[in-house]
Amino acid sequence: MNNKRHAALEQIAAKAQEAFTEKNAIRERALHYSRSIIRLSANAIRSIHRRETTKAKDLISQATNYINETNTILQTNPAIYYAGYLAEARKEFSEANITMALLLQQPLPQPEALGVNITDYLKGLGDSVGEVRRYILDSLRRDEWQQCEDAMEIMDQIYTLLVTLDFPEEVTGGLRNTNDMVRKTLERTRGDFTVAFRQKRLEDILSSCEHTTTTKKSY
């Protein structure tokens, strides 16, 4: 009887060893995908701001290949697919694609086209507001006022979309924190834009007065 129990335990141990070894291998692969996607997405956003469009598209294409690889994990091990590190990667990937679309004035990609779920997509959409803010501040330094106004409207539209999704946190996957971040970024950017706009108007008025004074003296 003891021999049978021992043999049964050895069989269970062997099965556990095999199952955990396989799961750990999948986890390590998922971590590699996650790190690669996040790195490529961050570099793509940096290239977008530098107006290196071709490079940004190439980086996003590489990240897309890794996103596609994660679909095999969804089929074999959904628990790992929905783990935090892969969810973060999908969010960063969404942010990169959305930022490129917004700043290059292209149609917004849909979640299914990117191969991500709606929760990770919406979090990426919210994070893209921070990149739009950066674009606005850069545009202010270049006196590109029309681009600033267009970008401000984009930020407002994104916030309006997110705030209408009034569901429990368990349903949205913690979207409330994203909404709060977007609201604060929008308010801060609106304040910066207003101050810069008023300063520009004051400079224009002073410049006009100086020009008038100079003209009268010349006359």
C-alpha atoms as a PDB file:
ATOM      1  CA  MET A   1       0.000   0.000   0.000  1.00  0.00           C
ATOM      2  CA  ASN A   2       2.842   2.364   0.885  1.00  0.00           C
ATOM      3  CA  ASN A   3       4.549   1.601  -2.432  1.00  0.00           C
ATOM      4  CA  LYS A   4       1.378   2.463  -4.329  1.00  0.00           C
ATOM      5  CA  ARG A   5       0.994   5.741  -2.441  1.00  0.00           C
ATOM      6  CA  HIS A   6       4.632   6.587  -3.062  1.00  0.00           C
ATOM      7  CA  ALA A   7       4.261   5.846  -6.760  1.00  0.00           C
ATOM      8  CA  ALA A   8       1.133   7.995  -6.910  1.00  0.00           C
ATOM      9  CA  LEU A   9       2.931  10.902  -5.248  1.00  0.00           C
ATOM     10  CA  GLU A  10       5.843  10.590  -7.632  1.00  0.00           C
ATOM     11  CA  GLN A  11       3.408  10.677 -10.538  1.00  0.00           C
ATOM     12  CA  ILE A  12       1.753  13.833  -9.149  1.00  0.00           C
ATOM     13  CA  ALA A  13       5.167  15.455  -8.618  1.00  0.00           C
ATOM     14  CA  ALA A  14       6.183  14.665 -12.193  1.00  0.00           C
ATOM     15  CA  LYS A  15       2.976  16.183 -13.539  1.00  0.00           C
ATOM     16  CA  ALA A  16       3.421  19.279 -11.385  1.00  0.00           C
ATOM     17  CA  GLN A  17       7.036  19.634 -12.484  1.00  0.00           C
ATOM     18  CA  GLU A  18       6.035  19.424 -16.134  1.00  0.00           C
ATOM     19  CA  ALA A  19       3.105  21.836 -15.770  1.00  0.00           C
ATOM     20  CA  PHE A  20       5.067  24.451 -13.817  1.00  0.00           C
ATOM     21  CA  THR A  21       8.090  24.190 -16.098  1.00  0.00           C
ATOM     22  CA  GLU A  22       5.871  24.874 -19.095  1.00  0.00           C
ATOM     23  CA  LYS A  23       4.053  27.716 -17.353  1.00  0.00           C
ATOM     24  CA  ASN A  24       7.314  29.302 -16.230  1.00  0.00           C
ATOM     25  CA  ALA A  25       8.663  29.148 -19.792  1.00  0.00           C
ATOM     26  CA  ILE A  26       5.521  30.903 -21.042  1.00  0.00           C
ATOM     27  CA  ARG A  27       5.878  33.505 -18.282  1.00  0.00           C
ATOM     28  CA  GLU A  28       9.501  34.214 -19.217  1.00  0.00           C
ATOM     29  CA  ARG A  29       8.504  34.587 -22.845  1.00  0.00           C
ATOM     30  CA  ALA A  30       5.680  36.942 -21.864  1.00  0.00           C
ATOM     31  CA  LEU A  31       8.079  39.086 -19.817  1.00  0.00           C
ATOM     32  CA  HIS A  32      10.400  39.325 -22.816  1.00  0.00           C
ATOM     33  CA  TYR A  33       7.502  40.373 -25.055  1.00  0.00           C
ATOM     34  CA  SER A  34       6.347  42.908 -22.481  1.00  0.00           C
ATOM     35  CA  ARG A  35       9.744  44.564 -22.077  1.00  0.00           C
ATOM     36  CA  SER A  36      10.246  44.695 -25.848  1.00  0.00           C
ATOM     37  CA  ILE A  37       6.807  46.186 -26.539  1.00  0.00           C
ATOM     38  CA  ILE A  38       7.205  48.861 -23.849  1.00  0.00           C
ATOM     39  CA  ARG A  39      10.687  49.821 -25.059  1.00  0.00           C
ATOM     40  CA  LEU A  40       9.683  49.996 -28.726  1.00  0.00           C
ATOM     41  CA  SER A  41       6.507  51.946 -27.934  1.00  0.00           C
ATOM     42  CA  ALA A  42       8.402  54.505 -25.816  1.00  0.00           C
ATOM     43  CA  ASN A  43      10.993  54.983 -28.541  1.00  0.00           C
ATOM     44  CA  ALA A  44       8.233  55.358 -31.138  1.00  0.00           C
ATOM     45  CA  ILE A  45       6.595  58.149 -29.124  1.00  0.00           C
ATOM     46  CA  ARG A  46       9.957  59.870 -28.784  1.00  0.00           C
ATOM     47  CA  SER A  47      10.444  59.665 -32.556  1.00  0.00           C
ATOM     48  CA  ILE A  48       6.974  61.080 -33.185  1.00  0.00           C
ATOM     49  CA  HIS A  49       7.783  64.163 -31.137  1.00  0.00           C
ATOM     50  CA  ARG A  50      11.032  64.533 -33.041  1.00  0.00           C
ATOM     51  CA  ARG A  51       9.029  64.312 -36.283  1.00  0.00           C
ATOM     52  CA  GLU A  52      10.882  61.159 -37.302  1.00  0.00           C
ATOM     53  CA  THR A  53       7.745  59.579 -38.726  1.00  0.00           C
ATOM     54  CA  THR A  54       9.375  56.776 -40.700  1.00  0.00           C
ATOM     55  CA  LYS A  55      11.396  55.637 -37.692  1.00  0.00           C
ATOM     56  CA  ALA A  56       8.312  55.779 -35.462  1.00  0.00           C
ATOM     57  CA  LYS A  57       6.319  53.618 -37.868  1.00  0.00           C
ATOM     58  CA  ASP A  58       9.135  51.081 -38.031  1.00  0.00           C
ATOM     59  CA  LEU A  59       9.323  50.844 -34.238  1.00  0.00           C
ATOM     60  CA  ILE A  60       5.562  50.388 -33.964  1.00  0.00           C
ATOM     61  CA  SER A  61       5.723  47.686 -36.638  1.00  0.00           C
ATOM     62  CA  GLN A  62       8.294  45.801 -34.557  1.00  0.00           C
ATOM     63  CA  ALA A  63       6.114  46.163 -31.469  1.00  0.00           C
ATOM     64  CA  THR A  64       3.143  44.856 -33.450  1.00  0.00           C
ATOM     65  CA  ASN A  65       5.029  41.622 -34.144  1.00  0.00           C
ATOM     66  CA  TYR A  66       5.464  41.075 -30.401  1.00  0.00           C
ATOM     67  CA  ILE A  67       1.793  41.901 -29.758  1.00  0.00           C
ATOM     68  CA  ASN A  68       0.833  39.238 -32.287  1.00  0.00           C
ATOM     69  CA  GLU A  69       3.085  36.745 -30.508  1.00  0.00           C
ATOM     70  CA  THR A  70       1.190  37.319 -27.265  1.00  0.00           C
ATOM     71  CA  ASN A  71      -1.967  35.990 -28.907  1.00  0.00           C
ATOM     72  CA  THR A  72      -0.510  32.481 -28.689  1.00  0.00           C
ATOM     73  CA  ILE A  73      -0.239  32.982 -24.920  1.00  0.00           C
ATOM     74  CA  LEU A  74      -3.908  33.971 -24.812  1.00  0.00           C
ATOM     75  CA  GLN A  75      -4.785  30.636 -26.414  1.00  0.00           C
ATOM     76  CA  THR A  76      -2.653  28.503 -24.094  1.00  0.00           C
ATOM     77  CA  ASN A  77      -2.523  30.456 -20.825  1.00  0.00           C
ATOM     78  CA  PRO A  78      -5.052  33.289 -20.403  1.00  0.00           C
ATOM     79  CA  ALA A  79      -3.932  33.942 -16.804  1.00  0.00           C
ATOM     80  CA  ILE A  80      -0.493  35.024 -18.006  1.00  0.00           C
ATOM     81  CA  TYR A  81      -1.951  36.953 -20.951  1.00  0.00           C
ATOM     82  CA  TYR A  82      -4.039  39.108 -18.597  1.00  0.00           C
ATOM     83  CA  ALA A  83      -1.218  39.510 -16.065  1.00  0.00           C
ATOM     84  CA  GLY A  84      -0.124  43.033 -15.173  1.00  0.00           C
ATOM     85  CA  TYR A  85       3.081  43.139 -17.202  1.00  0.00           C
ATOM     86  CA  LEU A  86       1.390  42.203 -20.501  1.00  0.00           C
ATOM     87  CA  ALA A  87      -1.531  44.532 -19.763  1.00  0.00           C
ATOM     88  CA  GLU A  88       0.987  47.359 -19.254  1.00  0.00           C
ATOM     89  CA  ALA A  89       2.618  46.483 -22.568  1.00  0.00           C
ATOM     90  CA  ARG A  90      -0.718  46.582 -24.399  1.00  0.00           C
ATOM     91  CA  LYS A  91      -1.465  49.963 -22.813  1.00  0.00           C
ATOM     92  CA  GLU A  92       1.904  51.406 -23.904  1.00  0.00           C
ATOM     93  CA  PHE A  93       1.451  49.965 -27.393  1.00  0.00           C
ATOM     94  CA  SER A  94      -1.998  51.543 -27.633  1.00  0.00           C
ATOM     95  CA  GLU A  95      -0.613  54.877 -26.447  1.00  0.00           C
ATOM     96  CA  ALA A  96       2.083  54.854 -29.125  1.00  0.00           C
ATOM     97  CA  ASN A  97      -0.392  54.113 -31.920  1.00  0.00           C
ATOM     98  CA  ILE A  98      -2.944  56.640 -30.670  1.00  0.00           C
ATOM     99  CA  THR A  99      -0.303  59.348 -30.189  1.00  0.00           C
ATOM    100  CA  MET A 100       0.951  58.860 -33.727  1.00  0.00           C
ATOM    101  CA  ALA A 101      -2.579  59.059 -35.110  1.00  0.00           C
ATOM    102  CA  LEU A 102      -3.429  62.196 -33.120  1.00  0.00           C
ATOM    103  CA  LEU A 103      -0.250  64.143 -33.804  1.00  0.00           C
ATOM    104  CA  LEU A 104      -0.120  63.185 -37.484  1.00  0.00           C
ATOM    105  CA  GLN A 105      -3.854  63.893 -37.849  1.00  0.00           C
ATOM    106  CA  GLN A 106      -4.661  60.354 -38.950  1.00  0.00           C
ATOM    107  CA  PRO A 107      -7.765  58.264 -38.154  1.00  0.00           C
ATOM    108  CA  LEU A 108      -7.705  56.725 -34.697  1.00  0.00           C
ATOM    109  CA  PRO A 109      -6.940  52.976 -34.761  1.00  0.00           C
ATOM    110  CA  GLN A 110      -9.607  50.737 -33.279  1.00  0.00           C
ATOM    111  CA  PRO A 111      -8.725  48.338 -30.408  1.00  0.00           C
ATOM    112  CA  GLU A 112      -9.350  45.218 -32.493  1.00  0.00           C
ATOM    113  CA  ALA A 113      -7.078  46.549 -35.234  1.00  0.00           C
ATOM    114  CA  LEU A 114      -4.272  46.848 -32.686  1.00  0.00           C
ATOM    115  CA  GLY A 115      -5.011  43.440 -31.176  1.00  0.00           C
ATOM    116  CA  VAL A 116      -5.685  44.799 -27.687  1.00  0.00           C
ATOM    117  CA  ASN A 117      -8.699  44.715 -25.375  1.00  0.00           C
ATOM    118  CA  ILE A 118     -10.851  47.780 -24.753  1.00  0.00           C
ATOM    119  CA  THR A 119      -9.597  48.390 -21.181  1.00  0.00           C
ATOM    120  CA  ASP A 120      -5.921  48.538 -22.140  1.00  0.00           C
ATOM    121  CA  TYR A 121      -6.830  50.643 -25.177  1.00  0.00           C
ATOM    122  CA  LEU A 122      -8.714  53.218 -23.092  1.00  0.00           C
ATOM    123  CA  LYS A 123      -5.843  53.485 -20.620  1.00  0.00           C
ATOM    124  CA  GLY A 124      -3.502  54.065 -23.541  1.00  0.00           C
ATOM    125  CA  LEU A 125      -5.913  56.673 -24.876  1.00  0.00           C
ATOM    126  CA  GLY A 126      -5.846  58.449 -21.520  1.00  0.00           C
ATOM    127  CA  ASP A 127      -2.044  58.363 -21.365  1.00  0.00           C
ATOM    128  CA  SER A 128      -1.829  59.829 -24.871  1.00  0.00           C
ATOM    129  CA  VAL A 129      -3.236  63.065 -23.403  1.00  0.00           C
ATOM    130  CA  GLY A 130       0.125  63.575 -21.695  1.00  0.00           C
ATOM    131  CA  GLU A 131       1.833  63.322 -25.081  1.00  0.00           C
ATOM    132  CA  VAL A 132      -0.628  65.803 -26.576  1.00  0.00           C
ATOM    133  CA  ARG A 133       0.234  68.179 -23.733  1.00  0.00           C
ATOM    134  CA  ARG A 134       3.915  67.833 -24.614  1.00  0.00           C
ATOM    135  CA  TYR A 135       3.055  68.578 -28.236  1.00  0.00           C
ATOM    136  CA  ILE A 136       1.148  71.705 -27.183  1.00  0.00           C
ATOM    137  CA  LEU A 137       4.040  73.001 -25.091  1.00  0.00           C
ATOM    138  CA  ASP A 138       6.450  72.427 -27.990  1.00  0.00           C
ATOM    139  CA  SER A 139       4.032  74.196 -30.346  1.00  0.00           C
ATOM    140  CA  LEU A 140       3.763  77.170 -27.979  1.00  0.00           C
ATOM    141  CA  ARG A 141       7.516  77.607 -28.114  1.00  0.00           C
ATOM    142  CA  ARG A 142       7.282  77.686 -31.912  1.00  0.00           C
ATOM    143  CA  ASP A 143       4.303  80.101 -31.876  1.00  0.00           C
ATOM    144  CA  GLU A 144       2.144  77.512 -33.681  1.00  0.00           C
ATOM    145  CA  TRP A 145      -1.118  78.688 -32.172  1.00  0.00           C
ATOM    146  CA  GLN A 146      -3.555  76.897 -34.465  1.00  0.00           C
ATOM    147  CA  GLN A 147      -1.940  73.532 -33.737  1.00  0.00           C
ATOM    148  CA  CYS A 148      -2.295  74.276 -30.029  1.00  0.00           C
ATOM    149  CA  GLU A 149      -6.001  75.000 -30.318  1.00  0.00           C
ATOM    150  CA  ASP A 150      -6.591  71.833 -32.345  1.00  0.00           C
ATOM    151  CA  ALA A 151      -4.655  69.766 -29.806  1.00  0.00           C
ATOM    152  CA  MET A 152      -6.578  71.298 -26.903  1.00  0.00           C
ATOM    153  CA  GLU A 153      -9.815  70.232 -28.576  1.00  0.00           C
ATOM    154  CA  ILE A 154      -8.457  66.688 -28.929  1.00  0.00           C
ATOM    155  CA  MET A 155      -7.643  66.549 -25.205  1.00  0.00           C
ATOM    156  CA  ASP A 156     -11.110  67.792 -24.322  1.00  0.00           C
ATOM    157  CA  GLN A 157     -12.758  65.201 -26.582  1.00  0.00           C
ATOM    158  CA  ILE A 158     -10.763  62.358 -25.025  1.00  0.00           C
ATOM    159  CA  TYR A 159     -11.689  63.474 -21.509  1.00  0.00           C
ATOM    160  CA  THR A 160     -15.358  63.758 -22.504  1.00  0.00           C
ATOM    161  CA  LEU A 161     -15.287  60.200 -23.859  1.00  0.00           C
ATOM    162  CA  LEU A 162     -13.619  58.730 -20.775  1.00  0.00           C
ATOM    163  CA  VAL A 163     -15.776  60.547 -18.242  1.00  0.00           C
ATOM    164  CA  THR A 164     -18.966  59.210 -19.825  1.00  0.00           C
ATOM    165  CA  LEU A 165     -17.887  55.618 -19.051  1.00  0.00           C
ATOM    166  CA  ASP A 166     -19.447  55.638 -15.601  1.00  0.00           C
ATOM    167  CA  PHE A 167     -19.104  52.012 -14.522  1.00  0.00           C
ATOM    168  CA  PRO A 168     -17.725  50.286 -11.418  1.00  0.00           C
ATOM    169  CA  GLU A 169     -13.952  49.923 -11.198  1.00  0.00           C
ATOM    170  CA  GLU A 170     -14.303  46.127 -11.385  1.00  0.00           C
ATOM    171  CA  VAL A 171     -15.881  46.544 -14.818  1.00  0.00           C
ATOM    172  CA  THR A 172     -13.504  49.155 -16.255  1.00  0.00           C
ATOM    173  CA  GLY A 173     -10.326  47.688 -14.785  1.00  0.00           C
ATOM    174  CA  GLY A 174      -9.393  50.783 -12.793  1.00  0.00           C
ATOM    175  CA  LEU A 175     -10.178  53.421 -15.402  1.00  0.00           C
ATOM    176  CA  ARG A 176     -11.050  56.032 -12.769  1.00  0.00           C
ATOM    177  CA  ASN A 177      -7.384  56.758 -12.054  1.00  0.00           C
ATOM    178  CA  THR A 178      -6.845  57.355 -15.754  1.00  0.00           C
ATOM    179  CA  ASN A 179      -9.806  59.749 -15.832  1.00  0.00           C
ATOM    180  CA  ASP A 180      -8.408  61.717 -12.885  1.00  0.00           C
ATOM    181  CA  MET A 181      -5.011  61.963 -14.566  1.00  0.00           C
ATOM    182  CA  VAL A 182      -6.561  63.167 -17.832  1.00  0.00           C
ATOM    183  CA  ARG A 183      -8.634  65.802 -16.028  1.00  0.00           C
ATOM    184  CA  LYS A 184      -5.599  67.179 -14.179  1.00  0.00           C
ATOM    185  CA  THR A 185      -3.499  67.218 -17.345  1.00  0.00           C
ATOM    186  CA  LEU A 186      -6.273  68.974 -19.264  1.00  0.00           C
ATOM    187  CA  GLU A 187      -6.730  71.643 -16.575  1.00  0.00           C
ATOM    188  CA  ARG A 188      -3.003  72.261 -16.272  1.00  0.00           C
ATOM    189  CA  THR A 189      -2.564  72.512 -20.036  1.00  0.00           C
ATOM    190  CA  ARG A 190      -5.546  74.833 -20.412  1.00  0.00           C
ATOM    191  CA  GLY A 191      -3.998  77.094 -17.792  1.00  0.00           C
ATOM    192  CA  ASP A 192      -0.611  77.082 -19.527  1.00  0.00           C
ATOM    193  CA  PHE A 193      -2.211  77.789 -22.885  1.00  0.00           C
ATOM    194  CA  THR A 194      -4.303  80.659 -21.492  1.00  0.00           C
ATOM    195  CA  VAL A 195      -1.281  82.312 -19.869  1.00  0.00           C
ATOM    196  CA  ALA A 196       0.779  81.945 -23.044  1.00  0.00           C
ATOM    197  CA  PHE A 197      -2.050  83.281 -25.207  1.00  0.00           C
ATOM    198  CA  ARG A 198      -2.534  86.371 -23.020  1.00  0.00           C
ATOM    199  CA  GLN A 199       1.181  87.010 -22.987  1.00  0.00           C
ATOM    200  CA  LYS A 200       1.262  86.768 -26.774  1.00  0.00           C
ATOM    201  CA  ARG A 201      -1.615  89.261 -27.064  1.00  0.00           C
ATOM    202  CA  LEU A 202       0.182  91.642 -24.714  1.00  0.00           C
ATOM    203  CA  GLU A 203       3.373  91.363 -26.750  1.00  0.00           C
ATOM    204  CA  ASP A 204       1.410  92.063 -29.947  1.00  0.00           C
ATOM    205  CA  ILE A 205      -0.206  95.145 -28.372  1.00  0.00           C
ATOM    206  CA  LEU A 206       3.151  96.472 -27.125  1.00  0.00           C
ATOM    207  CA  SER A 207       4.724  95.789 -30.500  1.00  0.00           C
ATOM    208  CA  SER A 208       1.883  97.645 -32.211  1.00  0.00           C
ATOM    209  CA  CYS A 209       2.277 100.611 -29.847  1.00  0.00           C
ATOM    210  CA  GLU A 210       6.024 100.750 -30.440  1.00  0.00           C
ATOM    211  CA  HIS A 211       5.459 100.620 -34.193  1.00  0.00           C
ATOM    212  CA  THR A 212       2.919 103.465 -33.992  1.00  0.00           C
ATOM    213  CA  THR A 213       5.240 105.589 -31.850  1.00  0.00           C
ATOM    214  CA  THR A 214       8.152 105.000 -34.206  1.00  0.00           C
ATOM    215  CA  THR A 215       6.032 105.901 -37.229  1.00  0.00           C
ATOM    216  CA  LYS A 216       4.857 109.158 -35.608  1.00  0.00           C
ATOM    217  CA  LYS A 217       8.415 110.145 -34.709  1.00  0.00           C
ATOM    218  CA  SER A 218       9.570 109.435 -38.233  1.00  0.00           C
ATOM    219  CA  TYR A 219       6.727 111.528 -39.575  1.00  0.00           C
END
